[in-house]
C-alpha atoms as a PDB file:
ATOM      1  CA  MET A   1      21.910 -44.547  -5.438  1.00  0.00           C
ATOM      2  CA  LYS A   2      19.357 -44.061  -2.627  1.00  0.00           C
ATOM      3  CA  LYS A   3      21.240 -40.972  -1.486  1.00  0.00           C
ATOM      4  CA  LEU A   4      21.174 -39.512  -5.020  1.00  0.00           C
ATOM      5  CA  LEU A   5      17.433 -40.222  -5.311  1.00  0.00           C
ATOM      6  CA  GLY A   6      16.894 -38.531  -1.949  1.00  0.00           C
ATOM      7  CA  ILE A   7      18.781 -35.436  -3.098  1.00  0.00           C
ATOM      8  CA  VAL A   8      16.858 -35.289  -6.390  1.00  0.00           C
ATOM      9  CA  ALA A   9      13.535 -35.663  -4.549  1.00  0.00           C
ATOM     10  CA  THR A  10      14.495 -32.922  -2.078  1.00  0.00           C
ATOM     11  CA  VAL A  11      15.495 -30.530  -4.860  1.00  0.00           C
ATOM     12  CA  ALA A  12      12.259 -31.271  -6.749  1.00  0.00           C
ATOM     13  CA  LEU A  13      10.223 -30.651  -3.595  1.00  0.00           C
ATOM     14  CA  LEU A  14      12.032 -27.359  -2.928  1.00  0.00           C
ATOM     15  CA  LEU A  15      11.454 -26.189  -6.499  1.00  0.00           C
ATOM     16  CA  ALA A  16       7.765 -27.078  -6.354  1.00  0.00           C
ATOM     17  CA  SER A  17       7.284 -25.308  -3.040  1.00  0.00           C
ATOM     18  CA  SER A  18       9.103 -22.187  -4.253  1.00  0.00           C
ATOM     19  CA  MET A  19       6.736 -21.978  -7.240  1.00  0.00           C
ATOM     20  CA  THR A  20       3.797 -22.136  -4.864  1.00  0.00           C
ATOM     21  CA  PHE A  21       5.202 -19.350  -2.695  1.00  0.00           C
ATOM     22  CA  ALA A  22       5.856 -17.176  -5.753  1.00  0.00           C
ATOM     23  CA  HIS A  23       2.107 -16.949  -6.291  1.00  0.00           C
ATOM     24  CA  ALA A  24       1.228 -16.775  -2.603  1.00  0.00           C
ATOM     25  CA  GLY A  25       1.204 -12.967  -2.774  1.00  0.00           C
ATOM     26  CA  GLY A  26      -2.269 -13.098  -4.192  1.00  0.00           C
ATOM     27  CA  TRP A  27      -4.442 -12.732  -7.203  1.00  0.00           C
ATOM     28  CA  ALA A  28      -6.465  -9.843  -8.516  1.00  0.00           C
ATOM     29  CA  VAL A  29      -9.838  -9.088 -10.009  1.00  0.00           C
ATOM     30  CA  ILE A  30      -9.743  -6.288 -12.572  1.00  0.00           C
ATOM     31  CA  THR A  31     -13.001  -4.582 -13.512  1.00  0.00           C
ATOM     32  CA  LEU A  32     -13.208  -2.042 -16.323  1.00  0.00           C
ATOM     33  CA  ASP A  33     -15.330   1.076 -15.756  1.00  0.00           C
ATOM     34  CA  LYS A  34     -16.633   0.459 -19.273  1.00  0.00           C
ATOM     35  CA  ILE A  35     -15.426  -1.353 -22.366  1.00  0.00           C
ATOM     36  CA  PRO A  36     -13.915   1.176 -24.789  1.00  0.00           C
ATOM     37  CA  THR A  37     -16.018   1.740 -27.903  1.00  0.00           C
ATOM     38  CA  ASP A  38     -15.581   4.147 -30.796  1.00  0.00           C
ATOM     39  CA  VAL A  39     -11.799   3.776 -30.554  1.00  0.00           C
ATOM     40  CA  ILE A  40     -10.143   5.829 -33.304  1.00  0.00           C
ATOM     41  CA  ALA A  41      -6.566   5.409 -34.519  1.00  0.00           C
ATOM     42  CA  ASN A  42      -4.164   8.134 -33.358  1.00  0.00           C
ATOM     43  CA  GLN A  43      -6.695   9.531 -30.861  1.00  0.00           C
ATOM     44  CA  SER A  44      -6.248   8.797 -27.184  1.00  0.00           C
ATOM     45  CA  VAL A  45      -8.878   6.888 -25.283  1.00  0.00           C
ATOM     46  CA  THR A  46      -9.061   6.862 -21.491  1.00  0.00           C
ATOM     47  CA  VAL A  47      -9.553   3.478 -19.879  1.00  0.00           C
ATOM     48  CA  GLY A  48     -10.540   3.330 -16.222  1.00  0.00           C
ATOM     49  CA  PHE A  49     -10.477   0.205 -14.082  1.00  0.00           C
ATOM     50  CA  MET A  50     -10.513  -1.067 -10.530  1.00  0.00           C
ATOM     51  CA  ILE A  51      -8.087  -3.664  -9.145  1.00  0.00           C
ATOM     52  CA  LEU A  52      -9.095  -5.679  -6.097  1.00  0.00           C
ATOM     53  CA  GLN A  53      -6.593  -8.044  -4.485  1.00  0.00           C
ATOM     54  CA  HIS A  54      -8.344 -11.344  -3.725  1.00  0.00           C
ATOM     55  CA  GLY A  55     -11.474  -9.697  -5.128  1.00  0.00           C
ATOM     56  CA  LYS A  56     -11.838  -7.534  -1.992  1.00  0.00           C
ATOM     57  CA  THR A  57      -8.947  -5.227  -1.090  1.00  0.00           C
ATOM     58  CA  PRO A  58      -8.178  -2.232  -3.343  1.00  0.00           C
ATOM     59  CA  TRP A  59      -4.746  -2.706  -4.946  1.00  0.00           C
ATOM     60  CA  THR A  60      -2.659   0.468  -4.688  1.00  0.00           C
ATOM     61  CA  ASN A  61       0.737  -0.800  -5.892  1.00  0.00           C
ATOM     62  CA  GLY A  62       0.389   0.228  -9.544  1.00  0.00           C
ATOM     63  CA  ALA A  63      -0.773  -1.207 -12.844  1.00  0.00           C
ATOM     64  CA  ARG A  64       0.204  -1.332 -16.506  1.00  0.00           C
ATOM     65  CA  VAL A  65      -1.802  -1.743 -19.710  1.00  0.00           C
ATOM     66  CA  ARG A  66      -0.344  -3.634 -22.678  1.00  0.00           C
ATOM     67  CA  PHE A  67      -1.760  -3.689 -26.210  1.00  0.00           C
ATOM     68  CA  LYS A  68      -0.732  -4.847 -29.671  1.00  0.00           C
ATOM     69  CA  PRO A  69      -2.248  -5.364 -33.113  1.00  0.00           C
ATOM     70  CA  ILE A  70      -3.442  -8.959 -33.521  1.00  0.00           C
ATOM     71  CA  ALA A  71      -1.103  -9.649 -36.441  1.00  0.00           C
ATOM     72  CA  SER A  72       1.916  -8.186 -34.632  1.00  0.00           C
ATOM     73  CA  SER A  73       4.315  -9.259 -31.935  1.00  0.00           C
ATOM     74  CA  GLU A  74       5.099  -5.645 -30.961  1.00  0.00           C
ATOM     75  CA  TYR A  75       3.484  -4.612 -27.683  1.00  0.00           C
ATOM     76  CA  THR A  76       3.005  -1.106 -26.374  1.00  0.00           C
ATOM     77  CA  VAL A  77       2.965  -0.822 -22.583  1.00  0.00           C
ATOM     78  CA  VAL A  78       1.434   2.177 -20.800  1.00  0.00           C
ATOM     79  CA  GLN A  79       1.719   2.874 -17.081  1.00  0.00           C
ATOM     80  CA  ALA A  80      -1.688   3.422 -15.492  1.00  0.00           C
ATOM     81  CA  LYS A  81      -2.122   6.196 -12.942  1.00  0.00           C
ATOM     82  CA  PRO A  82      -4.103   6.040  -9.709  1.00  0.00           C
ATOM     83  CA  GLU A  83      -7.210   8.194  -9.867  1.00  0.00           C
ATOM     84  CA  GLY A  84     -10.191   8.459  -7.563  1.00  0.00           C
ATOM     85  CA  ALA A  85     -10.882   5.730  -5.034  1.00  0.00           C
ATOM     86  CA  PRO A  86      -8.037   3.518  -3.783  1.00  0.00           C
ATOM     87  CA  GLY A  87      -7.421   0.741  -6.304  1.00  0.00           C
ATOM     88  CA  HIS A  88      -8.839   2.718  -9.240  1.00  0.00           C
ATOM     89  CA  TYR A  89      -6.570   3.491 -12.201  1.00  0.00           C
ATOM     90  CA  VAL A  90      -6.759   5.238 -15.543  1.00  0.00           C
ATOM     91  CA  ALA A  91      -4.579   4.813 -18.596  1.00  0.00           C
ATOM     92  CA  GLU A  92      -4.416   6.874 -21.766  1.00  0.00           C
ATOM     93  CA  LEU A  93      -4.103   4.568 -24.767  1.00  0.00           C
ATOM     94  CA  THR A  94      -3.354   5.675 -28.322  1.00  0.00           C
ATOM     95  CA  PHE A  95      -3.622   3.021 -30.995  1.00  0.00           C
ATOM     96  CA  PRO A  96      -1.312   3.834 -33.921  1.00  0.00           C
ATOM     97  CA  SER A  97      -3.482   2.410 -36.714  1.00  0.00           C
ATOM     98  CA  ALA A  98      -6.884   0.917 -37.466  1.00  0.00           C
ATOM     99  CA  GLY A  99      -7.387  -2.800 -36.924  1.00  0.00           C
ATOM    100  CA  LYS A 100      -8.031  -5.369 -34.205  1.00  0.00           C
ATOM    101  CA  TYR A 101      -5.971  -5.211 -31.028  1.00  0.00           C
ATOM    102  CA  THR A 102      -5.418  -7.580 -28.150  1.00  0.00           C
ATOM    103  CA  TRP A 103      -4.873  -5.958 -24.788  1.00  0.00           C
ATOM    104  CA  ALA A 104      -4.304  -6.866 -21.174  1.00  0.00           C
ATOM    105  CA  ILE A 105      -3.831  -5.281 -17.760  1.00  0.00           C
ATOM    106  CA  ALA A 106      -1.049  -6.147 -15.322  1.00  0.00           C
ATOM    107  CA  SER A 107      -1.524  -5.423 -11.640  1.00  0.00           C
ATOM    108  CA  GLY A 108       1.615  -7.018 -10.274  1.00  0.00           C
ATOM    109  CA  LEU A 109      -0.482  -9.838  -8.837  1.00  0.00           C
ATOM    110  CA  TYR A 110      -1.302 -13.219 -10.345  1.00  0.00           C
ATOM    111  CA  PRO A 111      -1.816 -13.710 -13.244  1.00  0.00           C
ATOM    112  CA  GLU A 112       0.835 -11.358 -14.551  1.00  0.00           C
ATOM    113  CA  TRP A 113      -1.312 -10.137 -17.475  1.00  0.00           C
ATOM    114  CA  GLN A 114      -5.098 -10.441 -17.492  1.00  0.00           C
ATOM    115  CA  PRO A 115      -6.320 -10.470 -21.112  1.00  0.00           C
ATOM    116  CA  LEU A 116      -9.376  -8.469 -22.105  1.00  0.00           C
ATOM    117  CA  SER A 117     -11.701  -8.639 -25.119  1.00  0.00           C
ATOM    118  CA  VAL A 118     -10.359  -7.733 -28.563  1.00  0.00           C
ATOM    119  CA  LEU A 119     -10.661  -4.017 -29.402  1.00  0.00           C
ATOM    120  CA  SER A 120     -11.640  -2.770 -32.858  1.00  0.00           C
ATOM    121  CA  VAL A 121      -9.918   0.463 -33.840  1.00  0.00           C
ATOM    122  CA  THR A 122     -11.160   2.479 -36.817  1.00  0.00           C
ATOM    123  CA  THR A 123      -9.858   5.453 -38.774  1.00  0.00           C
ATOM    124  CA  ALA A 124     -11.425   8.857 -38.201  1.00  0.00           C
ATOM    125  CA  ALA A 125     -13.050   8.653 -41.671  1.00  0.00           C
ATOM    126  CA  GLU A 126     -14.524   5.201 -40.948  1.00  0.00           C
ATOM    127  CA  HIS A 127     -15.837   6.478 -37.627  1.00  0.00           C
ATOM    128  CA  ALA A 128     -17.477   9.539 -39.220  1.00  0.00           C
ATOM    129  CA  GLN A 129     -19.040   7.408 -41.940  1.00  0.00           C
ATOM    130  CA  ALA A 130     -20.467   4.972 -39.389  1.00  0.00           C
ATOM    131  CA  LYS A 131     -22.006   7.849 -37.408  1.00  0.00           C
ATOM    132  CA  ALA A 132     -23.604   9.426 -40.528  1.00  0.00           C
END
């Protein structure tokens, strides 16, 4: 019985330590150039952002942007492209319809997806009316 308990404890310790090492690669701070406003359905919007590993070192290993309507479980994922300074990315997002969207950016570091504020997307007619 003591031997079995020893084996179980060893396995538990190994599992716990492997989870710690999985996140040892680092964490990231993602800063948007600006929060998108005036987002119109079926029109692309460019989102720029900086990724800093450990809040200091520009992250140059890629990034993705994920978004979905709030009432949906269907995500769209767009690959961001490096542009400008090291660690800076841009992504072209096109929201298929008006409504509220959740969105997040993945850098490949911890956490996997960093959620951002909810985006409001309007139709072109709603946008024109609001500007009038």
